[in-house]
Amino acid sequence: MQGNGEHPANDSKVAADARAAGFASPFDRGEWFDLLETHGFAGAGRIDARGTSDGVSAWLPLRREGPGRFAGLTNWYSFSIRPLFSGSGDRAAALADLFGKLREQAARLSLYPVPDADRAAIADALRTAGWWVKALPAGDRHWLDLSDMDHDGWWDSRPGALKNTVKRKAKKGVVDIALFDVFDADAWAAYEQIYAASWKPEEGDPALLRAFAEAESARGAFRMGLARIAGEPVAAQYWTVEDGSAFIHKLAHVEDSLKASPGTLLSAALFRHVIEVDGVRRVDFGTGNDAYKRDWMNRHEPLWRIEAFNPSRIAAWGPALKAFGRSMLGKDT
């Protein structure tokens, strides 16, 4: 792992208890939402919805999408949107207070992607606050739960075709792997070169992605892998680690390098590092249901879209009727 070996402490602005239920992620911090706002993803304006109850504070960053219309402050890089809390006590009451206050200015609210573990609590709090609520599965999330497995135990559980590919291609020694734990400008330039030559569509916001990577490096959370063949970069991946979890943000490879399987070898190297060196117990592959993710992960669950309508606003009635009408006609689940 390349880097200087020194990592600053996590940003002091983030309290240890200002997390949603479950594991923390890069998308549970104020810096992430600030970054989205700075790069123009706050729509017609950002609003930080807040609620309190008996010493508990709830916070949910949103963007305005039009008169009376709000949505979670996310973009295509986001793995999730969920409320964040500080203090100990009744989180459900604090969240209901947040949504109750939001009704004073919002006719409609849309949240996506909502993790399966957070869906019920959000929907219940919205209903308690008087919203009409529709929740639909609208995406997929694959992740690895290591439980009591070490790296070798996990690897033994993977499909035979994947294990055979890694064994055969690694034995040939064609692909050189380098891992980084601090941001490296040359390695990042190589990633951008690889991405541009890959099968993937044009990068949505390369400046935001680089700023995110640099910030994660400053926190000590940055992990990156770069694969070369005969000195030429052919595959790259950007991960982060925190709170016992690893997050796979970006991966790309040059199409004409496929025979050497550089992306597969790079994934294998990064999985080994985050499990054996960083000691993670979970690996999150983000959003999407790509078939290859099943080779690496052992858990799958839906991501949810929650649509909420304020019955006290006439502007919400038509959209609510359409949403619930589709459900009654069997067009939604």
C-alpha atoms as a PDB file:
ATOM      1  CA  MET A   1       0.000   0.000   0.000  1.00  0.00           C
ATOM      2  CA  GLN A   2       1.593   3.241  -1.153  1.00  0.00           C
ATOM      3  CA  GLY A   3       1.346   6.411   0.937  1.00  0.00           C
ATOM      4  CA  ASN A   4       3.003   8.190   3.824  1.00  0.00           C
ATOM      5  CA  GLY A   5       1.358   6.030   6.470  1.00  0.00           C
ATOM      6  CA  GLU A   6       0.047   9.025   8.415  1.00  0.00           C
ATOM      7  CA  HIS A   7      -3.668   9.697   8.593  1.00  0.00           C
ATOM      8  CA  PRO A   8      -5.269  12.640  10.393  1.00  0.00           C
ATOM      9  CA  ALA A   9      -8.110  11.957  12.783  1.00  0.00           C
ATOM     10  CA  ASN A  10     -11.687  12.055  11.564  1.00  0.00           C
ATOM     11  CA  ASP A  11     -13.133  15.532  11.211  1.00  0.00           C
ATOM     12  CA  SER A  12     -14.049  16.840  14.659  1.00  0.00           C
ATOM     13  CA  LYS A  13     -17.264  18.311  13.236  1.00  0.00           C
ATOM     14  CA  VAL A  14     -18.737  14.831  13.067  1.00  0.00           C
ATOM     15  CA  ALA A  15     -19.944  13.574  16.431  1.00  0.00           C
ATOM     16  CA  ALA A  16     -19.691   9.855  16.991  1.00  0.00           C
ATOM     17  CA  ASP A  17     -23.427   9.601  17.644  1.00  0.00           C
ATOM     18  CA  ALA A  18     -24.502  11.697  14.627  1.00  0.00           C
ATOM     19  CA  ARG A  19     -25.176   8.562  12.601  1.00  0.00           C
ATOM     20  CA  ALA A  20     -28.205   6.701  11.429  1.00  0.00           C
ATOM     21  CA  ALA A  21     -28.916   3.283  12.856  1.00  0.00           C
ATOM     22  CA  GLY A  22     -26.377   0.763  11.607  1.00  0.00           C
ATOM     23  CA  PHE A  23     -22.932   1.408  10.209  1.00  0.00           C
ATOM     24  CA  ALA A  24     -21.669   4.863   9.264  1.00  0.00           C
ATOM     25  CA  SER A  25     -20.736   5.793   5.719  1.00  0.00           C
ATOM     26  CA  PRO A  26     -19.166   8.685   3.808  1.00  0.00           C
ATOM     27  CA  PHE A  27     -22.724   9.770   2.988  1.00  0.00           C
ATOM     28  CA  ASP A  28     -23.573  10.367   6.648  1.00  0.00           C
ATOM     29  CA  ARG A  29     -21.434  13.457   7.103  1.00  0.00           C
ATOM     30  CA  GLY A  30     -22.016  17.150   6.671  1.00  0.00           C
ATOM     31  CA  GLU A  31     -18.976  17.431   4.429  1.00  0.00           C
ATOM     32  CA  TRP A  32     -20.624  15.227   1.808  1.00  0.00           C
ATOM     33  CA  PHE A  33     -23.730  17.399   1.665  1.00  0.00           C
ATOM     34  CA  ASP A  34     -21.615  20.546   1.589  1.00  0.00           C
ATOM     35  CA  LEU A  35     -19.733  19.080  -1.366  1.00  0.00           C
ATOM     36  CA  LEU A  36     -22.961  18.356  -3.233  1.00  0.00           C
ATOM     37  CA  GLU A  37     -24.178  21.893  -2.598  1.00  0.00           C
ATOM     38  CA  THR A  38     -20.874  23.408  -3.727  1.00  0.00           C
ATOM     39  CA  HIS A  39     -21.016  21.450  -6.977  1.00  0.00           C
ATOM     40  CA  GLY A  40     -24.548  22.511  -7.830  1.00  0.00           C
ATOM     41  CA  PHE A  41     -26.675  19.573  -6.653  1.00  0.00           C
ATOM     42  CA  ALA A  42     -28.900  21.526  -4.276  1.00  0.00           C
ATOM     43  CA  GLY A  43     -31.490  22.273  -6.963  1.00  0.00           C
ATOM     44  CA  ALA A  44     -33.352  25.494  -6.232  1.00  0.00           C
ATOM     45  CA  GLY A  45     -31.758  25.667  -2.792  1.00  0.00           C
ATOM     46  CA  ARG A  46     -30.669  23.528   0.139  1.00  0.00           C
ATOM     47  CA  ILE A  47     -32.678  23.083   3.300  1.00  0.00           C
ATOM     48  CA  ASP A  48     -31.488  21.245   6.403  1.00  0.00           C
ATOM     49  CA  ALA A  49     -34.638  19.824   7.978  1.00  0.00           C
ATOM     50  CA  ARG A  50     -34.303  19.356  11.731  1.00  0.00           C
ATOM     51  CA  GLY A  51     -36.337  17.994  14.595  1.00  0.00           C
ATOM     52  CA  THR A  52     -35.857  17.406  18.315  1.00  0.00           C
ATOM     53  CA  SER A  53     -37.368  15.378  21.131  1.00  0.00           C
ATOM     54  CA  ASP A  54     -36.106  14.886  24.678  1.00  0.00           C
ATOM     55  CA  GLY A  55     -32.457  15.556  23.936  1.00  0.00           C
ATOM     56  CA  VAL A  56     -32.378  13.823  20.551  1.00  0.00           C
ATOM     57  CA  SER A  57     -31.798  15.835  17.379  1.00  0.00           C
ATOM     58  CA  ALA A  58     -32.647  14.588  13.880  1.00  0.00           C
ATOM     59  CA  TRP A  59     -31.211  16.086  10.696  1.00  0.00           C
ATOM     60  CA  LEU A  60     -32.025  15.445   7.041  1.00  0.00           C
ATOM     61  CA  PRO A  61     -30.372  17.487   4.250  1.00  0.00           C
ATOM     62  CA  LEU A  62     -32.759  18.234   1.379  1.00  0.00           C
ATOM     63  CA  ARG A  63     -32.897  20.205  -1.851  1.00  0.00           C
ATOM     64  CA  ARG A  64     -35.743  22.251  -3.275  1.00  0.00           C
ATOM     65  CA  GLU A  65     -37.005  20.943  -6.597  1.00  0.00           C
ATOM     66  CA  GLY A  66     -39.723  23.532  -7.129  1.00  0.00           C
ATOM     67  CA  PRO A  67     -42.516  25.263  -5.222  1.00  0.00           C
ATOM     68  CA  GLY A  68     -43.349  23.039  -2.276  1.00  0.00           C
ATOM     69  CA  ARG A  69     -41.308  20.119  -3.667  1.00  0.00           C
ATOM     70  CA  PHE A  70     -38.327  18.714  -1.779  1.00  0.00           C
ATOM     71  CA  ALA A  71     -36.003  15.750  -2.256  1.00  0.00           C
ATOM     72  CA  GLY A  72     -33.074  14.201  -0.437  1.00  0.00           C
ATOM     73  CA  LEU A  73     -29.777  15.955  -1.121  1.00  0.00           C
ATOM     74  CA  THR A  74     -28.141  13.228  -3.219  1.00  0.00           C
ATOM     75  CA  ASN A  75     -26.653  12.599  -6.634  1.00  0.00           C
ATOM     76  CA  TRP A  76     -25.587   9.514  -8.616  1.00  0.00           C
ATOM     77  CA  TYR A  77     -22.537   8.981  -6.399  1.00  0.00           C
ATOM     78  CA  SER A  78     -24.701   8.638  -3.267  1.00  0.00           C
ATOM     79  CA  PHE A  79     -25.192   5.187  -1.794  1.00  0.00           C
ATOM     80  CA  SER A  80     -27.986   6.325   0.519  1.00  0.00           C
ATOM     81  CA  ILE A  81     -30.036   9.091   2.081  1.00  0.00           C
ATOM     82  CA  ARG A  82     -31.233   8.691   5.657  1.00  0.00           C
ATOM     83  CA  PRO A  83     -31.768  10.865   8.719  1.00  0.00           C
ATOM     84  CA  LEU A  84     -28.853  11.503  11.057  1.00  0.00           C
ATOM     85  CA  PHE A  85     -29.171  11.758  14.809  1.00  0.00           C
ATOM     86  CA  SER A  86     -27.323  13.092  17.822  1.00  0.00           C
ATOM     87  CA  GLY A  87     -28.129  12.519  21.470  1.00  0.00           C
ATOM     88  CA  SER A  88     -29.695   9.509  23.129  1.00  0.00           C
ATOM     89  CA  GLY A  89     -33.400   8.897  23.475  1.00  0.00           C
ATOM     90  CA  ASP A  90     -36.439   8.556  21.246  1.00  0.00           C
ATOM     91  CA  ARG A  91     -35.201   8.931  17.673  1.00  0.00           C
ATOM     92  CA  ALA A  92     -38.629   8.158  16.244  1.00  0.00           C
ATOM     93  CA  ALA A  93     -40.139  11.163  18.027  1.00  0.00           C
ATOM     94  CA  ALA A  94     -37.322  13.451  16.872  1.00  0.00           C
ATOM     95  CA  LEU A  95     -37.796  12.296  13.288  1.00  0.00           C
ATOM     96  CA  ALA A  96     -41.563  12.779  13.471  1.00  0.00           C
ATOM     97  CA  ASP A  97     -40.928  16.290  14.760  1.00  0.00           C
ATOM     98  CA  LEU A  98     -38.636  16.932  11.777  1.00  0.00           C
ATOM     99  CA  PHE A  99     -41.281  15.807   9.300  1.00  0.00           C
ATOM    100  CA  GLY A 100     -43.985  17.715  11.166  1.00  0.00           C
ATOM    101  CA  LYS A 101     -42.022  20.940  10.839  1.00  0.00           C
ATOM    102  CA  LEU A 102     -41.311  20.210   7.180  1.00  0.00           C
ATOM    103  CA  ARG A 103     -45.047  20.149   6.450  1.00  0.00           C
ATOM    104  CA  GLU A 104     -45.091  23.907   7.103  1.00  0.00           C
ATOM    105  CA  GLN A 105     -43.292  24.517   3.801  1.00  0.00           C
ATOM    106  CA  ALA A 106     -43.453  21.310   1.771  1.00  0.00           C
ATOM    107  CA  ALA A 107     -46.245  19.762  -0.273  1.00  0.00           C
ATOM    108  CA  ARG A 108     -44.217  16.804  -1.514  1.00  0.00           C
ATOM    109  CA  LEU A 109     -41.067  14.971  -0.444  1.00  0.00           C
ATOM    110  CA  SER A 110     -39.051  12.339  -2.325  1.00  0.00           C
ATOM    111  CA  LEU A 111     -36.229  10.308  -0.771  1.00  0.00           C
ATOM    112  CA  TYR A 112     -33.980   7.927  -2.754  1.00  0.00           C
ATOM    113  CA  PRO A 113     -31.952   5.768  -2.275  1.00  0.00           C
ATOM    114  CA  VAL A 114     -33.267   4.750   1.149  1.00  0.00           C
ATOM    115  CA  PRO A 115     -31.599   1.635   2.640  1.00  0.00           C
ATOM    116  CA  ASP A 116     -33.875  -1.243   3.520  1.00  0.00           C
ATOM    117  CA  ALA A 117     -32.939  -0.929   7.199  1.00  0.00           C
ATOM    118  CA  ASP A 118     -34.154   2.686   7.337  1.00  0.00           C
ATOM    119  CA  ARG A 119     -37.319   2.448   5.243  1.00  0.00           C
ATOM    120  CA  ALA A 120     -39.802   1.513   7.977  1.00  0.00           C
ATOM    121  CA  ALA A 121     -38.567   4.111  10.478  1.00  0.00           C
ATOM    122  CA  ILE A 122     -38.751   6.914   7.904  1.00  0.00           C
ATOM    123  CA  ALA A 123     -42.181   5.882   6.605  1.00  0.00           C
ATOM    124  CA  ASP A 124     -43.574   5.498  10.134  1.00  0.00           C
ATOM    125  CA  ALA A 125     -42.268   8.917  11.200  1.00  0.00           C
ATOM    126  CA  LEU A 126     -43.763  10.538   8.104  1.00  0.00           C
ATOM    127  CA  ARG A 127     -47.162   8.977   8.802  1.00  0.00           C
ATOM    128  CA  THR A 128     -46.967  10.003  12.454  1.00  0.00           C
ATOM    129  CA  ALA A 129     -46.346  13.572  11.267  1.00  0.00           C
ATOM    130  CA  GLY A 130     -49.443  13.441   9.063  1.00  0.00           C
ATOM    131  CA  TRP A 131     -48.022  12.722   5.601  1.00  0.00           C
ATOM    132  CA  TRP A 132     -49.482  10.347   3.040  1.00  0.00           C
ATOM    133  CA  VAL A 133     -46.662   7.907   2.293  1.00  0.00           C
ATOM    134  CA  LYS A 134     -45.825   5.639  -0.618  1.00  0.00           C
ATOM    135  CA  ALA A 135     -42.690   3.433  -0.449  1.00  0.00           C
ATOM    136  CA  LEU A 136     -41.529   1.472  -3.491  1.00  0.00           C
ATOM    137  CA  PRO A 137     -38.493  -0.720  -4.136  1.00  0.00           C
ATOM    138  CA  ALA A 138     -36.595   1.221  -6.791  1.00  0.00           C
ATOM    139  CA  GLY A 139     -33.053  -0.138  -6.849  1.00  0.00           C
ATOM    140  CA  ASP A 140     -30.658  -2.749  -5.544  1.00  0.00           C
ATOM    141  CA  ARG A 141     -27.760  -2.954  -3.146  1.00  0.00           C
ATOM    142  CA  HIS A 142     -25.203  -5.757  -2.945  1.00  0.00           C
ATOM    143  CA  TRP A 143     -22.923  -6.023   0.062  1.00  0.00           C
ATOM    144  CA  LEU A 144     -20.618  -8.441   1.818  1.00  0.00           C
ATOM    145  CA  ASP A 145     -21.288  -9.486   5.395  1.00  0.00           C
ATOM    146  CA  LEU A 146     -18.153 -11.211   6.650  1.00  0.00           C
ATOM    147  CA  SER A 147     -19.659 -12.164  10.023  1.00  0.00           C
ATOM    148  CA  ASP A 148     -16.978 -14.403  11.585  1.00  0.00           C
ATOM    149  CA  MET A 149     -15.173 -15.170   8.310  1.00  0.00           C
ATOM    150  CA  ASP A 150     -11.581 -14.140   7.681  1.00  0.00           C
ATOM    151  CA  HIS A 151     -10.342 -13.395   4.175  1.00  0.00           C
ATOM    152  CA  ASP A 152      -9.584 -17.015   3.329  1.00  0.00           C
ATOM    153  CA  GLY A 153     -12.936 -18.207   4.618  1.00  0.00           C
ATOM    154  CA  TRP A 154     -14.733 -15.630   2.502  1.00  0.00           C
ATOM    155  CA  TRP A 155     -12.634 -16.445  -0.562  1.00  0.00           C
ATOM    156  CA  ASP A 156     -13.385 -20.151  -0.175  1.00  0.00           C
ATOM    157  CA  SER A 157     -17.087 -19.293  -0.351  1.00  0.00           C
ATOM    158  CA  ARG A 158     -16.789 -17.509  -3.707  1.00  0.00           C
ATOM    159  CA  PRO A 159     -17.792 -19.088  -7.045  1.00  0.00           C
ATOM    160  CA  GLY A 160     -15.289 -21.505  -8.527  1.00  0.00           C
ATOM    161  CA  ALA A 161     -15.091 -19.616 -11.823  1.00  0.00           C
ATOM    162  CA  LEU A 162     -14.012 -16.431 -10.036  1.00  0.00           C
ATOM    163  CA  LYS A 163     -11.381 -18.207  -7.948  1.00  0.00           C
ATOM    164  CA  ASN A 164     -10.014 -20.018 -10.972  1.00  0.00           C
ATOM    165  CA  THR A 165      -9.771 -16.784 -12.969  1.00  0.00           C
ATOM    166  CA  VAL A 166      -7.806 -15.037 -10.220  1.00  0.00           C
ATOM    167  CA  LYS A 167      -5.496 -18.016  -9.782  1.00  0.00           C
ATOM    168  CA  ARG A 168      -4.769 -18.448 -13.497  1.00  0.00           C
ATOM    169  CA  LYS A 169      -4.345 -14.773 -14.351  1.00  0.00           C
ATOM    170  CA  ALA A 170      -2.221 -13.986 -11.303  1.00  0.00           C
ATOM    171  CA  LYS A 171       0.077 -16.910 -12.141  1.00  0.00           C
ATOM    172  CA  LYS A 172       0.828 -15.442 -15.555  1.00  0.00           C
ATOM    173  CA  GLY A 173       2.275 -12.306 -13.941  1.00  0.00           C
ATOM    174  CA  VAL A 174       1.107 -10.009 -16.735  1.00  0.00           C
ATOM    175  CA  VAL A 175      -0.743  -7.549 -14.491  1.00  0.00           C
ATOM    176  CA  ASP A 176       1.093  -5.330 -11.996  1.00  0.00           C
ATOM    177  CA  ILE A 177      -0.976  -4.085  -9.047  1.00  0.00           C
ATOM    178  CA  ALA A 178      -0.320  -0.964  -6.967  1.00  0.00           C
ATOM    179  CA  LEU A 179      -2.429   0.048  -3.957  1.00  0.00           C
ATOM    180  CA  PHE A 180      -2.626   3.536  -2.452  1.00  0.00           C
ATOM    181  CA  ASP A 181      -3.865   4.773   0.928  1.00  0.00           C
ATOM    182  CA  VAL A 182      -3.382   8.479   0.185  1.00  0.00           C
ATOM    183  CA  PHE A 183      -4.508  10.484  -2.806  1.00  0.00           C
ATOM    184  CA  ASP A 184      -1.912  10.444  -5.577  1.00  0.00           C
ATOM    185  CA  ALA A 185      -2.401  12.916  -8.437  1.00  0.00           C
ATOM    186  CA  ASP A 186      -0.650  10.723 -11.019  1.00  0.00           C
ATOM    187  CA  ALA A 187      -2.665   7.647 -10.038  1.00  0.00           C
ATOM    188  CA  TRP A 188      -5.874   9.664 -10.189  1.00  0.00           C
ATOM    189  CA  ALA A 189      -4.963  10.964 -13.644  1.00  0.00           C
ATOM    190  CA  ALA A 190      -4.441   7.341 -14.685  1.00  0.00           C
ATOM    191  CA  TYR A 191      -7.903   6.470 -13.322  1.00  0.00           C
ATOM    192  CA  GLU A 192      -9.461   9.285 -15.358  1.00  0.00           C
ATOM    193  CA  GLN A 193      -7.586   8.062 -18.447  1.00  0.00           C
ATOM    194  CA  ILE A 194      -8.836   4.512 -17.895  1.00  0.00           C
ATOM    195  CA  TYR A 195     -12.401   5.639 -17.259  1.00  0.00           C
ATOM    196  CA  ALA A 196     -12.428   7.671 -20.479  1.00  0.00           C
ATOM    197  CA  ALA A 197     -11.291   4.567 -22.417  1.00  0.00           C
ATOM    198  CA  SER A 198     -13.743   2.208 -20.684  1.00  0.00           C
ATOM    199  CA  TRP A 199     -17.251   1.056 -21.571  1.00  0.00           C
ATOM    200  CA  LYS A 200     -18.755   3.432 -19.026  1.00  0.00           C
ATOM    201  CA  PRO A 201     -20.656   6.610 -19.916  1.00  0.00           C
ATOM    202  CA  GLU A 202     -19.034  10.002 -19.448  1.00  0.00           C
ATOM    203  CA  GLU A 203     -18.174  10.714 -15.810  1.00  0.00           C
ATOM    204  CA  GLY A 204     -21.022  12.677 -14.224  1.00  0.00           C
ATOM    205  CA  ASP A 205     -18.951  15.196 -12.287  1.00  0.00           C
ATOM    206  CA  PRO A 206     -15.200  14.468 -12.290  1.00  0.00           C
ATOM    207  CA  ALA A 207     -14.391  17.594 -10.252  1.00  0.00           C
ATOM    208  CA  LEU A 208     -16.749  16.543  -7.455  1.00  0.00           C
ATOM    209  CA  LEU A 209     -15.427  12.984  -7.480  1.00  0.00           C
ATOM    210  CA  ARG A 210     -11.831  14.168  -7.208  1.00  0.00           C
ATOM    211  CA  ALA A 211     -12.704  16.601  -4.402  1.00  0.00           C
ATOM    212  CA  PHE A 212     -14.443  13.749  -2.575  1.00  0.00           C
ATOM    213  CA  ALA A 213     -11.404  11.492  -3.014  1.00  0.00           C
ATOM    214  CA  GLU A 214      -9.026  14.189  -1.743  1.00  0.00           C
ATOM    215  CA  ALA A 215     -11.231  14.804   1.295  1.00  0.00           C
ATOM    216  CA  GLU A 216     -11.397  11.082   2.085  1.00  0.00           C
ATOM    217  CA  SER A 217      -7.623  10.901   1.786  1.00  0.00           C
ATOM    218  CA  ALA A 218      -7.278  13.701   4.333  1.00  0.00           C
ATOM    219  CA  ARG A 219      -9.465  11.643   6.694  1.00  0.00           C
ATOM    220  CA  GLY A 220      -7.350   8.530   6.193  1.00  0.00           C
ATOM    221  CA  ALA A 221     -10.228   6.693   4.512  1.00  0.00           C
ATOM    222  CA  PHE A 222      -8.927   6.669   0.921  1.00  0.00           C
ATOM    223  CA  ARG A 223      -8.053   3.395  -0.799  1.00  0.00           C
ATOM    224  CA  MET A 224      -7.214   3.056  -4.483  1.00  0.00           C
ATOM    225  CA  GLY A 225      -5.929   0.327  -6.737  1.00  0.00           C
ATOM    226  CA  LEU A 226      -4.230   0.682 -10.106  1.00  0.00           C
ATOM    227  CA  ALA A 227      -3.431  -2.172 -12.500  1.00  0.00           C
ATOM    228  CA  ARG A 228      -0.853  -1.869 -15.269  1.00  0.00           C
ATOM    229  CA  ILE A 229       0.152  -4.103 -18.153  1.00  0.00           C
ATOM    230  CA  ALA A 230       3.620  -3.430 -19.594  1.00  0.00           C
ATOM    231  CA  GLY A 231       3.616  -0.140 -17.708  1.00  0.00           C
ATOM    232  CA  GLU A 232       0.292   1.070 -19.124  1.00  0.00           C
ATOM    233  CA  PRO A 233      -2.637   1.702 -16.754  1.00  0.00           C
ATOM    234  CA  VAL A 234      -5.521  -0.620 -17.669  1.00  0.00           C
ATOM    235  CA  ALA A 235      -7.757  -0.780 -14.577  1.00  0.00           C
ATOM    236  CA  ALA A 236      -8.435   1.382 -11.528  1.00  0.00           C
ATOM    237  CA  GLN A 237     -10.735   1.339  -8.514  1.00  0.00           C
ATOM    238  CA  TYR A 238     -11.552   3.914  -5.832  1.00  0.00           C
ATOM    239  CA  TRP A 239     -12.710   2.665  -2.407  1.00  0.00           C
ATOM    240  CA  THR A 240     -13.005   4.162   1.079  1.00  0.00           C
ATOM    241  CA  VAL A 241     -13.007   2.561   4.528  1.00  0.00           C
ATOM    242  CA  GLU A 242     -14.573   3.614   7.810  1.00  0.00           C
ATOM    243  CA  ASP A 243     -16.407   2.266  10.837  1.00  0.00           C
ATOM    244  CA  GLY A 244     -15.561  -1.334   9.949  1.00  0.00           C
ATOM    245  CA  SER A 245     -16.858  -1.046   6.394  1.00  0.00           C
ATOM    246  CA  ALA A 246     -15.394  -0.601   2.941  1.00  0.00           C
ATOM    247  CA  PHE A 247     -17.229   1.228   0.160  1.00  0.00           C
ATOM    248  CA  ILE A 248     -16.583   0.614  -3.531  1.00  0.00           C
ATOM    249  CA  HIS A 249     -17.200   3.937  -5.279  1.00  0.00           C
ATOM    250  CA  LYS A 250     -15.724   3.659  -8.755  1.00  0.00           C
ATOM    251  CA  LEU A 251     -14.143   1.023 -10.941  1.00  0.00           C
ATOM    252  CA  ALA A 252     -13.148   0.953 -14.595  1.00  0.00           C
ATOM    253  CA  HIS A 253     -10.960  -0.962 -16.995  1.00  0.00           C
ATOM    254  CA  VAL A 254      -9.807  -0.588 -20.570  1.00  0.00           C
ATOM    255  CA  GLU A 255     -11.837  -2.898 -22.802  1.00  0.00           C
ATOM    256  CA  ASP A 256      -8.939  -4.373 -24.793  1.00  0.00           C
ATOM    257  CA  SER A 257      -7.268  -5.553 -21.564  1.00  0.00           C
ATOM    258  CA  LEU A 258     -10.072  -7.961 -20.655  1.00  0.00           C
ATOM    259  CA  LYS A 259      -8.158 -11.136 -21.540  1.00  0.00           C
ATOM    260  CA  ALA A 260      -5.751 -10.444 -18.681  1.00  0.00           C
ATOM    261  CA  SER A 261      -8.633  -9.781 -16.218  1.00  0.00           C
ATOM    262  CA  PRO A 262      -6.941  -6.749 -14.609  1.00  0.00           C
ATOM    263  CA  GLY A 263     -10.155  -5.545 -12.975  1.00  0.00           C
ATOM    264  CA  THR A 264     -10.761  -8.920 -11.354  1.00  0.00           C
ATOM    265  CA  LEU A 265      -7.196  -9.139 -10.059  1.00  0.00           C
ATOM    266  CA  LEU A 266      -7.433  -5.582  -8.752  1.00  0.00           C
ATOM    267  CA  SER A 267     -10.686  -6.337  -6.925  1.00  0.00           C
ATOM    268  CA  ALA A 268      -9.116  -9.432  -5.358  1.00  0.00           C
ATOM    269  CA  ALA A 269      -6.152  -7.385  -4.120  1.00  0.00           C
ATOM    270  CA  LEU A 270      -8.339  -4.661  -2.642  1.00  0.00           C
ATOM    271  CA  PHE A 271     -10.685  -7.120  -0.939  1.00  0.00           C
ATOM    272  CA  ARG A 272      -7.681  -8.813   0.647  1.00  0.00           C
ATOM    273  CA  HIS A 273      -6.267  -5.485   1.828  1.00  0.00           C
ATOM    274  CA  VAL A 274      -9.426  -4.065   3.380  1.00  0.00           C
ATOM    275  CA  ILE A 275     -10.199  -7.381   5.109  1.00  0.00           C
ATOM    276  CA  GLU A 276      -6.714  -8.308   6.333  1.00  0.00           C
ATOM    277  CA  VAL A 277      -5.136  -4.869   6.869  1.00  0.00           C
ATOM    278  CA  ASP A 278      -8.074  -2.533   7.521  1.00  0.00           C
ATOM    279  CA  GLY A 279     -10.064  -5.216   9.330  1.00  0.00           C
ATOM    280  CA  VAL A 280     -13.444  -4.387   7.794  1.00  0.00           C
ATOM    281  CA  ARG A 281     -16.428  -6.649   8.435  1.00  0.00           C
ATOM    282  CA  ARG A 282     -18.568  -5.332   5.586  1.00  0.00           C
ATOM    283  CA  VAL A 283     -18.012  -4.272   1.982  1.00  0.00           C
ATOM    284  CA  ASP A 284     -20.671  -2.180   0.232  1.00  0.00           C
ATOM    285  CA  PHE A 285     -20.892  -2.286  -3.569  1.00  0.00           C
ATOM    286  CA  GLY A 286     -23.219   0.707  -3.730  1.00  0.00           C
ATOM    287  CA  THR A 287     -26.276   0.940  -5.917  1.00  0.00           C
ATOM    288  CA  GLY A 288     -27.062  -1.228  -8.916  1.00  0.00           C
ATOM    289  CA  ASN A 289     -27.797  -4.860  -9.693  1.00  0.00           C
ATOM    290  CA  ASP A 290     -24.870  -5.701 -11.980  1.00  0.00           C
ATOM    291  CA  ALA A 291     -24.511  -9.473 -12.249  1.00  0.00           C
ATOM    292  CA  TYR A 292     -20.770  -9.500 -11.430  1.00  0.00           C
ATOM    293  CA  LYS A 293     -21.460  -8.091  -7.967  1.00  0.00           C
ATOM    294  CA  ARG A 294     -22.962 -11.415  -6.904  1.00  0.00           C
ATOM    295  CA  ASP A 295     -19.574 -13.088  -7.397  1.00  0.00           C
ATOM    296  CA  TRP A 296     -18.051 -10.948  -4.658  1.00  0.00           C
ATOM    297  CA  MET A 297     -20.965 -10.311  -2.289  1.00  0.00           C
ATOM    298  CA  ASN A 298     -23.218 -12.526  -0.179  1.00  0.00           C
ATOM    299  CA  ARG A 299     -26.066 -10.133   0.624  1.00  0.00           C
ATOM    300  CA  HIS A 300     -28.637  -8.388  -1.547  1.00  0.00           C
ATOM    301  CA  GLU A 301     -31.516  -6.115  -0.596  1.00  0.00           C
ATOM    302  CA  PRO A 302     -33.707  -3.474  -2.217  1.00  0.00           C
ATOM    303  CA  LEU A 303     -33.194   0.253  -2.099  1.00  0.00           C
ATOM    304  CA  TRP A 304     -36.383   2.233  -1.624  1.00  0.00           C
ATOM    305  CA  ARG A 305     -37.954   5.372  -3.003  1.00  0.00           C
ATOM    306  CA  ILE A 306     -40.200   7.056  -0.464  1.00  0.00           C
ATOM    307  CA  GLU A 307     -42.730   9.548  -1.790  1.00  0.00           C
ATOM    308  CA  ALA A 308     -44.633  11.605   0.762  1.00  0.00           C
ATOM    309  CA  PHE A 309     -47.550  13.996   0.209  1.00  0.00           C
ATOM    310  CA  ASN A 310     -48.779  16.695   2.564  1.00  0.00           C
ATOM    311  CA  PRO A 311     -52.592  16.440   2.734  1.00  0.00           C
ATOM    312  CA  SER A 312     -52.869  20.020   3.964  1.00  0.00           C
ATOM    313  CA  ARG A 313     -51.519  21.276   0.616  1.00  0.00           C
ATOM    314  CA  ILE A 314     -53.887  21.164  -2.350  1.00  0.00           C
ATOM    315  CA  ALA A 315     -50.840  20.956  -4.651  1.00  0.00           C
ATOM    316  CA  ALA A 316     -50.125  17.492  -3.251  1.00  0.00           C
ATOM    317  CA  TRP A 317     -53.532  15.981  -3.936  1.00  0.00           C
ATOM    318  CA  GLY A 318     -53.149  15.367  -7.674  1.00  0.00           C
ATOM    319  CA  PRO A 319     -49.703  13.741  -7.463  1.00  0.00           C
ATOM    320  CA  ALA A 320     -50.854  11.677  -4.463  1.00  0.00           C
ATOM    321  CA  LEU A 321     -53.919  10.459  -6.348  1.00  0.00           C
ATOM    322  CA  LYS A 322     -51.728   9.368  -9.261  1.00  0.00           C
ATOM    323  CA  ALA A 323     -49.249   7.604  -6.981  1.00  0.00           C
ATOM    324  CA  PHE A 324     -51.833   5.700  -4.971  1.00  0.00           C
ATOM    325  CA  GLY A 325     -54.024   5.119  -8.013  1.00  0.00           C
ATOM    326  CA  ARG A 326     -51.193   3.279  -9.764  1.00  0.00           C
ATOM    327  CA  SER A 327     -50.850   1.119  -6.684  1.00  0.00           C
ATOM    328  CA  MET A 328     -54.539   0.244  -6.593  1.00  0.00           C
ATOM    329  CA  LEU A 329     -54.391  -0.680 -10.282  1.00  0.00           C
ATOM    330  CA  GLY A 330     -51.514  -3.059  -9.550  1.00  0.00           C
ATOM    331  CA  LYS A 331     -48.902  -1.051 -11.452  1.00  0.00           C
ATOM    332  CA  ASP A 332     -46.752  -0.641  -8.357  1.00  0.00           C
ATOM    333  CA  THR A 333     -45.808  -3.055  -5.611  1.00  0.00           C
END
